[in-house]
Amino acid sequence: MSIEIRSEQCIGCGRCRSICPGSLIRLQQGKAEILRPERCWGCASCLKECPVQAIALYLGEDIGGLGGRFTIRRTGTQLHWMLTNPDGSTKTLTVDSRSANKY
């Protein structure tokens, strides 16, 4: 499990770089990039911070994800976790960010 940064969507705000607990993201030519994807913890902090959904959490076949991708869209305090399957179908789970990490 690792993140995938789509440079064509990245606006270079640096929020992902600031929040990454492993210091794995840098800005290169005004775009975010992950330095060592194999070291990504899969914590999803960068997904929550990205205002344009340029970062996806890749769910590889090795963990039963079959190549799906999670992105997060934020509206106020709501986090909309969107799963896109390889066949293009999608599912969304919405949680309130104020209680998302309390358990």
PDB file of N, CA and C in Angstrom:
ATOM      1  N   MET A   1       0.857  -1.165   0.000  1.00  0.00           N
ATOM      2  CA  MET A   1       0.000   0.000   0.000  1.00  0.00           C
ATOM      3  C   MET A   1       0.902   1.227   0.000  1.00  0.00           C
ATOM      4  N   SER A   2       0.618   2.137  -0.875  1.00  0.00           N
ATOM      5  CA  SER A   2       1.409   3.352  -0.979  1.00  0.00           C
ATOM      6  C   SER A   2       0.558   4.445  -1.601  1.00  0.00           C
ATOM      7  N   ILE A   3       1.089   5.645  -1.588  1.00  0.00           N
ATOM      8  CA  ILE A   3       0.375   6.732  -2.238  1.00  0.00           C
ATOM      9  C   ILE A   3       0.849   6.878  -3.674  1.00  0.00           C
ATOM     10  N   GLU A   4       0.007   7.519  -4.439  1.00  0.00           N
ATOM     11  CA  GLU A   4       0.290   7.794  -5.843  1.00  0.00           C
ATOM     12  C   GLU A   4      -0.070   9.273  -6.044  1.00  0.00           C
ATOM     13  N   ILE A   5       0.877  10.063  -6.513  1.00  0.00           N
ATOM     14  CA  ILE A   5       0.641  11.487  -6.712  1.00  0.00           C
ATOM     15  C   ILE A   5       0.486  11.760  -8.204  1.00  0.00           C
ATOM     16  N   ARG A   6      -0.639  12.321  -8.576  1.00  0.00           N
ATOM     17  CA  ARG A   6      -0.895  12.658  -9.977  1.00  0.00           C
ATOM     18  C   ARG A   6      -0.451  14.096 -10.215  1.00  0.00           C
ATOM     19  N   SER A   7       0.708  14.246 -10.822  1.00  0.00           N
ATOM     20  CA  SER A   7       1.309  15.571 -10.992  1.00  0.00           C
ATOM     21  C   SER A   7       0.453  16.505 -11.835  1.00  0.00           C
ATOM     22  N   GLU A   8      -0.344  15.948 -12.752  1.00  0.00           N
ATOM     23  CA  GLU A   8      -1.187  16.811 -13.591  1.00  0.00           C
ATOM     24  C   GLU A   8      -2.291  17.488 -12.780  1.00  0.00           C
ATOM     25  N   GLN A   9      -2.618  16.954 -11.608  1.00  0.00           N
ATOM     26  CA  GLN A   9      -3.630  17.555 -10.748  1.00  0.00           C
ATOM     27  C   GLN A   9      -3.026  18.397  -9.626  1.00  0.00           C
ATOM     28  N   CYS A  10      -1.763  18.156  -9.294  1.00  0.00           N
ATOM     29  CA  CYS A  10      -1.093  18.821  -8.176  1.00  0.00           C
ATOM     30  C   CYS A  10      -0.965  20.321  -8.447  1.00  0.00           C
ATOM     31  N   ILE A  11      -1.299  21.116  -7.423  1.00  0.00           N
ATOM     32  CA  ILE A  11      -1.172  22.575  -7.549  1.00  0.00           C
ATOM     33  C   ILE A  11       0.064  23.102  -6.817  1.00  0.00           C
ATOM     34  N   GLY A  12       0.854  22.210  -6.229  1.00  0.00           N
ATOM     35  CA  GLY A  12       2.106  22.604  -5.586  1.00  0.00           C
ATOM     36  C   GLY A  12       1.955  23.379  -4.291  1.00  0.00           C
ATOM     37  N   CYS A  13       0.862  23.167  -3.567  1.00  0.00           N
ATOM     38  CA  CYS A  13       0.620  23.920  -2.333  1.00  0.00           C
ATOM     39  C   CYS A  13       1.541  23.494  -1.187  1.00  0.00           C
ATOM     40  N   GLY A  14       2.053  22.259  -1.224  1.00  0.00           N
ATOM     41  CA  GLY A  14       2.978  21.775  -0.205  1.00  0.00           C
ATOM     42  C   GLY A  14       2.336  21.274   1.074  1.00  0.00           C
ATOM     43  N   ARG A  15       1.026  21.247   1.135  1.00  0.00           N
ATOM     44  CA  ARG A  15       0.351  20.777   2.348  1.00  0.00           C
ATOM     45  C   ARG A  15       0.665  19.314   2.632  1.00  0.00           C
ATOM     46  N   CYS A  16       0.764  18.503   1.600  1.00  0.00           N
ATOM     47  CA  CYS A  16       1.087  17.082   1.769  1.00  0.00           C
ATOM     48  C   CYS A  16       2.496  16.913   2.335  1.00  0.00           C
ATOM     49  N   ARG A  17       3.400  17.722   1.855  1.00  0.00           N
ATOM     50  CA  ARG A  17       4.793  17.659   2.314  1.00  0.00           C
ATOM     51  C   ARG A  17       4.885  18.012   3.793  1.00  0.00           C
ATOM     52  N   SER A  18       4.124  19.009   4.197  1.00  0.00           N
ATOM     53  CA  SER A  18       4.158  19.456   5.590  1.00  0.00           C
ATOM     54  C   SER A  18       3.579  18.436   6.554  1.00  0.00           C
ATOM     55  N   ILE A  19       2.604  17.660   6.115  1.00  0.00           N
ATOM     56  CA  ILE A  19       1.882  16.744   7.011  1.00  0.00           C
ATOM     57  C   ILE A  19       2.469  15.332   7.044  1.00  0.00           C
ATOM     58  N   CYS A  20       3.242  14.950   6.055  1.00  0.00           N
ATOM     59  CA  CYS A  20       3.752  13.575   5.966  1.00  0.00           C
ATOM     60  C   CYS A  20       4.640  13.247   7.175  1.00  0.00           C
ATOM     61  N   PRO A  21       4.236  12.264   8.011  1.00  0.00           N
ATOM     62  CA  PRO A  21       5.030  11.937   9.203  1.00  0.00           C
ATOM     63  C   PRO A  21       6.373  11.285   8.872  1.00  0.00           C
ATOM     64  N   GLY A  22       6.515  10.753   7.681  1.00  0.00           N
ATOM     65  CA  GLY A  22       7.769  10.116   7.294  1.00  0.00           C
ATOM     66  C   GLY A  22       8.672  11.015   6.469  1.00  0.00           C
ATOM     67  N   SER A  23       8.263  12.261   6.246  1.00  0.00           N
ATOM     68  CA  SER A  23       9.019  13.219   5.425  1.00  0.00           C
ATOM     69  C   SER A  23       9.375  12.631   4.061  1.00  0.00           C
ATOM     70  N   LEU A  24       8.400  11.968   3.433  1.00  0.00           N
ATOM     71  CA  LEU A  24       8.641  11.272   2.171  1.00  0.00           C
ATOM     72  C   LEU A  24       8.272  12.091   0.940  1.00  0.00           C
ATOM     73  N   ILE A  25       7.594  13.227   1.134  1.00  0.00           N
ATOM     74  CA  ILE A  25       7.111  14.010  -0.004  1.00  0.00           C
ATOM     75  C   ILE A  25       7.931  15.287  -0.129  1.00  0.00           C
ATOM     76  N   ARG A  26       8.294  15.613  -1.361  1.00  0.00           N
ATOM     77  CA  ARG A  26       8.992  16.872  -1.617  1.00  0.00           C
ATOM     78  C   ARG A  26       8.328  17.566  -2.793  1.00  0.00           C
ATOM     79  N   LEU A  27       8.623  18.835  -2.939  1.00  0.00           N
ATOM     80  CA  LEU A  27       8.153  19.579  -4.104  1.00  0.00           C
ATOM     81  C   LEU A  27       9.299  19.650  -5.103  1.00  0.00           C
ATOM     82  N   GLN A  28       9.033  19.241  -6.303  1.00  0.00           N
ATOM     83  CA  GLN A  28      10.028  19.252  -7.375  1.00  0.00           C
ATOM     84  C   GLN A  28       9.400  19.967  -8.565  1.00  0.00           C
ATOM     85  N   GLN A  29       9.966  21.076  -8.956  1.00  0.00           N
ATOM     86  CA  GLN A  29       9.447  21.875 -10.069  1.00  0.00           C
ATOM     87  C   GLN A  29       7.976  22.238  -9.851  1.00  0.00           C
ATOM     88  N   GLY A  30       7.652  22.599  -8.597  1.00  0.00           N
ATOM     89  CA  GLY A  30       6.313  23.047  -8.263  1.00  0.00           C
ATOM     90  C   GLY A  30       5.260  21.957  -8.149  1.00  0.00           C
ATOM     91  N   LYS A  31       5.672  20.716  -8.116  1.00  0.00           N
ATOM     92  CA  LYS A  31       4.749  19.581  -7.998  1.00  0.00           C
ATOM     93  C   LYS A  31       5.230  18.645  -6.891  1.00  0.00           C
ATOM     94  N   ALA A  32       4.277  18.032  -6.190  1.00  0.00           N
ATOM     95  CA  ALA A  32       4.628  17.076  -5.139  1.00  0.00           C
ATOM     96  C   ALA A  32       5.065  15.761  -5.764  1.00  0.00           C
ATOM     97  N   GLU A  33       6.017  15.123  -5.107  1.00  0.00           N
ATOM     98  CA  GLU A  33       6.419  13.781  -5.510  1.00  0.00           C
ATOM     99  C   GLU A  33       6.859  13.021  -4.268  1.00  0.00           C
ATOM    100  N   ILE A  34       6.624  11.713  -4.279  1.00  0.00           N
ATOM    101  CA  ILE A  34       7.035  10.875  -3.155  1.00  0.00           C
ATOM    102  C   ILE A  34       8.420  10.336  -3.445  1.00  0.00           C
ATOM    103  N   LEU A  35       9.295  10.469  -2.464  1.00  0.00           N
ATOM    104  CA  LEU A  35      10.678  10.073  -2.652  1.00  0.00           C
ATOM    105  C   LEU A  35      10.870   8.561  -2.649  1.00  0.00           C
ATOM    106  N   ARG A  36      10.315   7.895  -1.666  1.00  0.00           N
ATOM    107  CA  ARG A  36      10.495   6.449  -1.519  1.00  0.00           C
ATOM    108  C   ARG A  36       9.142   5.808  -1.250  1.00  0.00           C
ATOM    109  N   PRO A  37       8.367   5.499  -2.286  1.00  0.00           N
ATOM    110  CA  PRO A  37       7.021   4.949  -2.091  1.00  0.00           C
ATOM    111  C   PRO A  37       6.984   3.702  -1.208  1.00  0.00           C
ATOM    112  N   GLU A  38       8.031   2.917  -1.245  1.00  0.00           N
ATOM    113  CA  GLU A  38       8.064   1.687  -0.446  1.00  0.00           C
ATOM    114  C   GLU A  38       8.124   1.967   1.054  1.00  0.00           C
ATOM    115  N   ARG A  39       8.460   3.184   1.426  1.00  0.00           N
ATOM    116  CA  ARG A  39       8.524   3.557   2.843  1.00  0.00           C
ATOM    117  C   ARG A  39       7.237   4.219   3.346  1.00  0.00           C
ATOM    118  N   CYS A  40       6.270   4.384   2.469  1.00  0.00           N
ATOM    119  CA  CYS A  40       5.001   5.018   2.846  1.00  0.00           C
ATOM    120  C   CYS A  40       4.273   4.147   3.865  1.00  0.00           C
ATOM    121  N   TRP A  41       3.791   4.753   4.930  1.00  0.00           N
ATOM    122  CA  TRP A  41       3.098   4.037   6.002  1.00  0.00           C
ATOM    123  C   TRP A  41       1.640   3.791   5.657  1.00  0.00           C
ATOM    124  N   GLY A  42       1.107   4.496   4.666  1.00  0.00           N
ATOM    125  CA  GLY A  42      -0.303   4.362   4.318  1.00  0.00           C
ATOM    126  C   GLY A  42      -1.222   5.041   5.321  1.00  0.00           C
ATOM    127  N   CYS A  43      -0.716   6.084   5.998  1.00  0.00           N
ATOM    128  CA  CYS A  43      -1.494   6.751   7.042  1.00  0.00           C
ATOM    129  C   CYS A  43      -2.602   7.651   6.482  1.00  0.00           C
ATOM    130  N   ALA A  44      -2.517   8.019   5.222  1.00  0.00           N
ATOM    131  CA  ALA A  44      -3.508   8.839   4.515  1.00  0.00           C
ATOM    132  C   ALA A  44      -3.544  10.292   4.952  1.00  0.00           C
ATOM    133  N   SER A  45      -2.567  10.750   5.720  1.00  0.00           N
ATOM    134  CA  SER A  45      -2.542  12.159   6.123  1.00  0.00           C
ATOM    135  C   SER A  45      -2.474  13.087   4.917  1.00  0.00           C
ATOM    136  N   CYS A  46      -1.677  12.740   3.945  1.00  0.00           N
ATOM    137  CA  CYS A  46      -1.530  13.589   2.760  1.00  0.00           C
ATOM    138  C   CYS A  46      -2.820  13.635   1.944  1.00  0.00           C
ATOM    139  N   LEU A  47      -3.550  12.518   1.898  1.00  0.00           N
ATOM    140  CA  LEU A  47      -4.824  12.493   1.180  1.00  0.00           C
ATOM    141  C   LEU A  47      -5.807  13.469   1.795  1.00  0.00           C
ATOM    142  N   LYS A  48      -5.842  13.505   3.129  1.00  0.00           N
ATOM    143  CA  LYS A  48      -6.761  14.385   3.840  1.00  0.00           C
ATOM    144  C   LYS A  48      -6.404  15.851   3.633  1.00  0.00           C
ATOM    145  N   GLU A  49      -5.125  16.150   3.439  1.00  0.00           N
ATOM    146  CA  GLU A  49      -4.670  17.534   3.284  1.00  0.00           C
ATOM    147  C   GLU A  49      -4.767  18.057   1.861  1.00  0.00           C
ATOM    148  N   CYS A  50      -4.709  17.187   0.886  1.00  0.00           N
ATOM    149  CA  CYS A  50      -4.682  17.632  -0.513  1.00  0.00           C
ATOM    150  C   CYS A  50      -6.030  18.250  -0.908  1.00  0.00           C
ATOM    151  N   PRO A  51      -6.031  19.533  -1.290  1.00  0.00           N
ATOM    152  CA  PRO A  51      -7.290  20.201  -1.617  1.00  0.00           C
ATOM    153  C   PRO A  51      -7.843  19.856  -2.997  1.00  0.00           C
ATOM    154  N   VAL A  52      -7.056  19.176  -3.836  1.00  0.00           N
ATOM    155  CA  VAL A  52      -7.493  18.909  -5.215  1.00  0.00           C
ATOM    156  C   VAL A  52      -7.515  17.421  -5.576  1.00  0.00           C
ATOM    157  N   GLN A  53      -7.441  16.557  -4.583  1.00  0.00           N
ATOM    158  CA  GLN A  53      -7.461  15.096  -4.770  1.00  0.00           C
ATOM    159  C   GLN A  53      -6.407  14.600  -5.759  1.00  0.00           C
ATOM    160  N   ALA A  54      -5.212  15.194  -5.659  1.00  0.00           N
ATOM    161  CA  ALA A  54      -4.112  14.776  -6.532  1.00  0.00           C
ATOM    162  C   ALA A  54      -3.381  13.553  -5.988  1.00  0.00           C
ATOM    163  N   ILE A  55      -3.739  13.136  -4.773  1.00  0.00           N
ATOM    164  CA  ILE A  55      -3.063  12.003  -4.145  1.00  0.00           C
ATOM    165  C   ILE A  55      -4.071  10.883  -3.923  1.00  0.00           C
ATOM    166  N   ALA A  56      -3.676   9.681  -4.285  1.00  0.00           N
ATOM    167  CA  ALA A  56      -4.527   8.509  -4.083  1.00  0.00           C
ATOM    168  C   ALA A  56      -3.748   7.473  -3.282  1.00  0.00           C
ATOM    169  N   LEU A  57      -4.469   6.714  -2.487  1.00  0.00           N
ATOM    170  CA  LEU A  57      -3.888   5.581  -1.776  1.00  0.00           C
ATOM    171  C   LEU A  57      -4.142   4.365  -2.646  1.00  0.00           C
ATOM    172  N   TYR A  58      -3.071   3.772  -3.143  1.00  0.00           N
ATOM    173  CA  TYR A  58      -3.176   2.625  -4.040  1.00  0.00           C
ATOM    174  C   TYR A  58      -3.348   1.361  -3.219  1.00  0.00           C
ATOM    175  N   LEU A  59      -4.379   0.605  -3.517  1.00  0.00           N
ATOM    176  CA  LEU A  59      -4.674  -0.641  -2.806  1.00  0.00           C
ATOM    177  C   LEU A  59      -4.307  -1.811  -3.704  1.00  0.00           C
ATOM    178  N   GLY A  60      -3.102  -2.280  -3.550  1.00  0.00           N
ATOM    179  CA  GLY A  60      -2.587  -3.329  -4.424  1.00  0.00           C
ATOM    180  C   GLY A  60      -3.228  -4.681  -4.210  1.00  0.00           C
ATOM    181  N   GLU A  61      -3.043  -5.527  -5.174  1.00  0.00           N
ATOM    182  CA  GLU A  61      -3.593  -6.880  -5.115  1.00  0.00           C
ATOM    183  C   GLU A  61      -3.023  -7.666  -3.949  1.00  0.00           C
ATOM    184  N   ASP A  62      -1.806  -7.322  -3.526  1.00  0.00           N
ATOM    185  CA  ASP A  62      -1.175  -8.053  -2.436  1.00  0.00           C
ATOM    186  C   ASP A  62      -1.919  -7.894  -1.112  1.00  0.00           C
ATOM    187  N   ILE A  63      -2.741  -6.855  -0.975  1.00  0.00           N
ATOM    188  CA  ILE A  63      -3.526  -6.679   0.252  1.00  0.00           C
ATOM    189  C   ILE A  63      -5.020  -6.839  -0.007  1.00  0.00           C
ATOM    190  N   GLY A  64      -5.364  -7.403  -1.144  1.00  0.00           N
ATOM    191  CA  GLY A  64      -6.768  -7.653  -1.457  1.00  0.00           C
ATOM    192  C   GLY A  64      -7.484  -6.472  -2.081  1.00  0.00           C
ATOM    193  N   GLY A  65      -6.736  -5.426  -2.438  1.00  0.00           N
ATOM    194  CA  GLY A  65      -7.351  -4.223  -3.003  1.00  0.00           C
ATOM    195  C   GLY A  65      -7.615  -4.301  -4.487  1.00  0.00           C
ATOM    196  N   LEU A  66      -7.032  -5.285  -5.154  1.00  0.00           N
ATOM    197  CA  LEU A  66      -7.233  -5.509  -6.585  1.00  0.00           C
ATOM    198  C   LEU A  66      -6.963  -4.276  -7.437  1.00  0.00           C
ATOM    199  N   GLY A  67      -6.061  -3.415  -6.963  1.00  0.00           N
ATOM    200  CA  GLY A  67      -5.667  -2.262  -7.763  1.00  0.00           C
ATOM    201  C   GLY A  67      -6.583  -1.068  -7.629  1.00  0.00           C
ATOM    202  N   GLY A  68      -7.439  -1.047  -6.630  1.00  0.00           N
ATOM    203  CA  GLY A  68      -8.313   0.102  -6.407  1.00  0.00           C
ATOM    204  C   GLY A  68      -7.542   1.288  -5.850  1.00  0.00           C
ATOM    205  N   ARG A  69      -8.175   2.465  -5.863  1.00  0.00           N
ATOM    206  CA  ARG A  69      -7.539   3.669  -5.357  1.00  0.00           C
ATOM    207  C   ARG A  69      -8.519   4.456  -4.497  1.00  0.00           C
ATOM    208  N   PHE A  70      -8.030   4.912  -3.332  1.00  0.00           N
ATOM    209  CA  PHE A  70      -8.797   5.781  -2.457  1.00  0.00           C
ATOM    210  C   PHE A  70      -8.358   7.215  -2.670  1.00  0.00           C
ATOM    211  N   THR A  71      -9.303   8.122  -2.760  1.00  0.00           N
ATOM    212  CA  THR A  71      -9.027   9.554  -2.695  1.00  0.00           C
ATOM    213  C   THR A  71      -9.971  10.128  -1.648  1.00  0.00           C
ATOM    214  N   ILE A  72      -9.664  11.327  -1.195  1.00  0.00           N
ATOM    215  CA  ILE A  72     -10.498  11.975  -0.185  1.00  0.00           C
ATOM    216  C   ILE A  72     -10.844  13.379  -0.650  1.00  0.00           C
ATOM    217  N   ARG A  73     -12.123  13.703  -0.558  1.00  0.00           N
ATOM    218  CA  ARG A  73     -12.587  15.065  -0.833  1.00  0.00           C
ATOM    219  C   ARG A  73     -13.149  15.601   0.470  1.00  0.00           C
ATOM    220  N   ARG A  74     -12.740  16.807   0.836  1.00  0.00           N
ATOM    221  CA  ARG A  74     -13.177  17.416   2.086  1.00  0.00           C
ATOM    222  C   ARG A  74     -14.198  18.508   1.797  1.00  0.00           C
ATOM    223  N   THR A  75     -15.295  18.497   2.545  1.00  0.00           N
ATOM    224  CA  THR A  75     -16.260  19.589   2.517  1.00  0.00           C
ATOM    225  C   THR A  75     -16.557  19.947   3.966  1.00  0.00           C
ATOM    226  N   GLY A  76     -16.044  21.074   4.402  1.00  0.00           N
ATOM    227  CA  GLY A  76     -16.186  21.452   5.803  1.00  0.00           C
ATOM    228  C   GLY A  76     -15.500  20.434   6.686  1.00  0.00           C
ATOM    229  N   THR A  77     -16.239  19.862   7.617  1.00  0.00           N
ATOM    230  CA  THR A  77     -15.664  18.842   8.500  1.00  0.00           C
ATOM    231  C   THR A  77     -15.875  17.431   7.979  1.00  0.00           C
ATOM    232  N   GLN A  78     -16.518  17.298   6.824  1.00  0.00           N
ATOM    233  CA  GLN A  78     -16.805  15.984   6.257  1.00  0.00           C
ATOM    234  C   GLN A  78     -15.657  15.506   5.358  1.00  0.00           C
ATOM    235  N   LEU A  79     -15.257  14.256   5.559  1.00  0.00           N
ATOM    236  CA  LEU A  79     -14.276  13.604   4.685  1.00  0.00           C
ATOM    237  C   LEU A  79     -15.019  12.564   3.865  1.00  0.00           C
ATOM    238  N   HIS A  80     -14.957  12.702   2.559  1.00  0.00           N
ATOM    239  CA  HIS A  80     -15.613  11.767   1.643  1.00  0.00           C
ATOM    240  C   HIS A  80     -14.533  10.860   1.064  1.00  0.00           C
ATOM    241  N   TRP A  81     -14.436   9.644   1.601  1.00  0.00           N
ATOM    242  CA  TRP A  81     -13.476   8.652   1.143  1.00  0.00           C
ATOM    243  C   TRP A  81     -14.071   7.980  -0.084  1.00  0.00           C
ATOM    244  N   MET A  82     -13.434   8.154  -1.232  1.00  0.00           N
ATOM    245  CA  MET A  82     -13.949   7.614  -2.485  1.00  0.00           C
ATOM    246  C   MET A  82     -13.049   6.492  -2.982  1.00  0.00           C
ATOM    247  N   LEU A  83     -13.628   5.312  -3.126  1.00  0.00           N
ATOM    248  CA  LEU A  83     -12.907   4.153  -3.646  1.00  0.00           C
ATOM    249  C   LEU A  83     -13.260   4.000  -5.113  1.00  0.00           C
ATOM    250  N   THR A  84     -12.243   4.000  -5.952  1.00  0.00           N
ATOM    251  CA  THR A  84     -12.438   3.734  -7.376  1.00  0.00           C
ATOM    252  C   THR A  84     -11.822   2.377  -7.673  1.00  0.00           C
ATOM    253  N   ASN A  85     -12.647   1.459  -8.127  1.00  0.00           N
ATOM    254  CA  ASN A  85     -12.188   0.113  -8.471  1.00  0.00           C
ATOM    255  C   ASN A  85     -11.571   0.114  -9.869  1.00  0.00           C
ATOM    256  N   PRO A  86     -10.766  -0.902 -10.172  1.00  0.00           N
ATOM    257  CA  PRO A  86     -10.149  -0.973 -11.497  1.00  0.00           C
ATOM    258  C   PRO A  86     -11.154  -0.952 -12.650  1.00  0.00           C
ATOM    259  N   ASP A  87     -12.384  -1.420 -12.404  1.00  0.00           N
ATOM    260  CA  ASP A  87     -13.395  -1.423 -13.466  1.00  0.00           C
ATOM    261  C   ASP A  87     -14.097  -0.065 -13.613  1.00  0.00           C
ATOM    262  N   GLY A  88     -13.686   0.925 -12.801  1.00  0.00           N
ATOM    263  CA  GLY A  88     -14.264   2.265 -12.884  1.00  0.00           C
ATOM    264  C   GLY A  88     -15.426   2.513 -11.939  1.00  0.00           C
ATOM    265  N   SER A  89     -15.942   1.473 -11.307  1.00  0.00           N
ATOM    266  CA  SER A  89     -17.033   1.665 -10.356  1.00  0.00           C
ATOM    267  C   SER A  89     -16.500   2.364  -9.099  1.00  0.00           C
ATOM    268  N   THR A  90     -17.363   3.102  -8.432  1.00  0.00           N
ATOM    269  CA  THR A  90     -16.938   3.853  -7.255  1.00  0.00           C
ATOM    270  C   THR A  90     -17.890   3.635  -6.081  1.00  0.00           C
ATOM    271  N   LYS A  91     -17.348   3.828  -4.893  1.00  0.00           N
ATOM    272  CA  LYS A  91     -18.119   3.798  -3.651  1.00  0.00           C
ATOM    273  C   LYS A  91     -17.593   4.944  -2.795  1.00  0.00           C
ATOM    274  N   THR A  92     -18.480   5.565  -2.027  1.00  0.00           N
ATOM    275  CA  THR A  92     -18.078   6.667  -1.170  1.00  0.00           C
ATOM    276  C   THR A  92     -18.539   6.421   0.253  1.00  0.00           C
ATOM    277  N   LEU A  93     -17.646   6.700   1.199  1.00  0.00           N
ATOM    278  CA  LEU A  93     -17.947   6.637   2.618  1.00  0.00           C
ATOM    279  C   LEU A  93     -17.655   8.015   3.188  1.00  0.00           C
ATOM    280  N   THR A  94     -18.628   8.614   3.867  1.00  0.00           N
ATOM    281  CA  THR A  94     -18.454   9.944   4.439  1.00  0.00           C
ATOM    282  C   THR A  94     -18.381   9.853   5.958  1.00  0.00           C
ATOM    283  N   VAL A  95     -17.351  10.492   6.526  1.00  0.00           N
ATOM    284  CA  VAL A  95     -17.183  10.539   7.977  1.00  0.00           C
ATOM    285  C   VAL A  95     -16.922  11.977   8.402  1.00  0.00           C
ATOM    286  N   ASP A  96     -17.267  12.292   9.637  1.00  0.00           N
ATOM    287  CA  ASP A  96     -16.988  13.611  10.191  1.00  0.00           C
ATOM    288  C   ASP A  96     -15.550  13.606  10.702  1.00  0.00           C
ATOM    289  N   SER A  97     -14.726  14.508  10.223  1.00  0.00           N
ATOM    290  CA  SER A  97     -13.306  14.513  10.580  1.00  0.00           C
ATOM    291  C   SER A  97     -13.084  14.785  12.066  1.00  0.00           C
ATOM    292  N   ARG A  98     -14.050  15.377  12.728  1.00  0.00           N
ATOM    293  CA  ARG A  98     -13.893  15.662  14.165  1.00  0.00           C
ATOM    294  C   ARG A  98     -13.929  14.395  14.996  1.00  0.00           C
ATOM    295  N   SER A  99     -14.503  13.333  14.481  1.00  0.00           N
ATOM    296  CA  SER A  99     -14.543  12.088  15.234  1.00  0.00           C
ATOM    297  C   SER A  99     -13.849  10.939  14.510  1.00  0.00           C
ATOM    298  N   ALA A 100     -13.211  11.210  13.395  1.00  0.00           N
ATOM    299  CA  ALA A 100     -12.618  10.155  12.571  1.00  0.00           C
ATOM    300  C   ALA A 100     -11.474   9.424  13.264  1.00  0.00           C
ATOM    301  N   ASN A 101     -10.722  10.084  14.125  1.00  0.00           N
ATOM    302  CA  ASN A 101      -9.564   9.450  14.743  1.00  0.00           C
ATOM    303  C   ASN A 101      -9.727   9.238  16.243  1.00  0.00           C
ATOM    304  N   LYS A 102     -10.939   9.265  16.736  1.00  0.00           N
ATOM    305  CA  LYS A 102     -11.096   9.190  18.185  1.00  0.00           C
ATOM    306  C   LYS A 102     -11.087   7.776  18.743  1.00  0.00           C
ATOM    307  N   TYR A 103     -11.074   6.756  17.899  1.00  0.00           N
ATOM    308  CA  TYR A 103     -11.069   5.382  18.399  1.00  0.00           C
ATOM    309  C   TYR A 103      -9.722   4.749  18.215  1.00  0.00           C
TER     310      TYR A 103
END
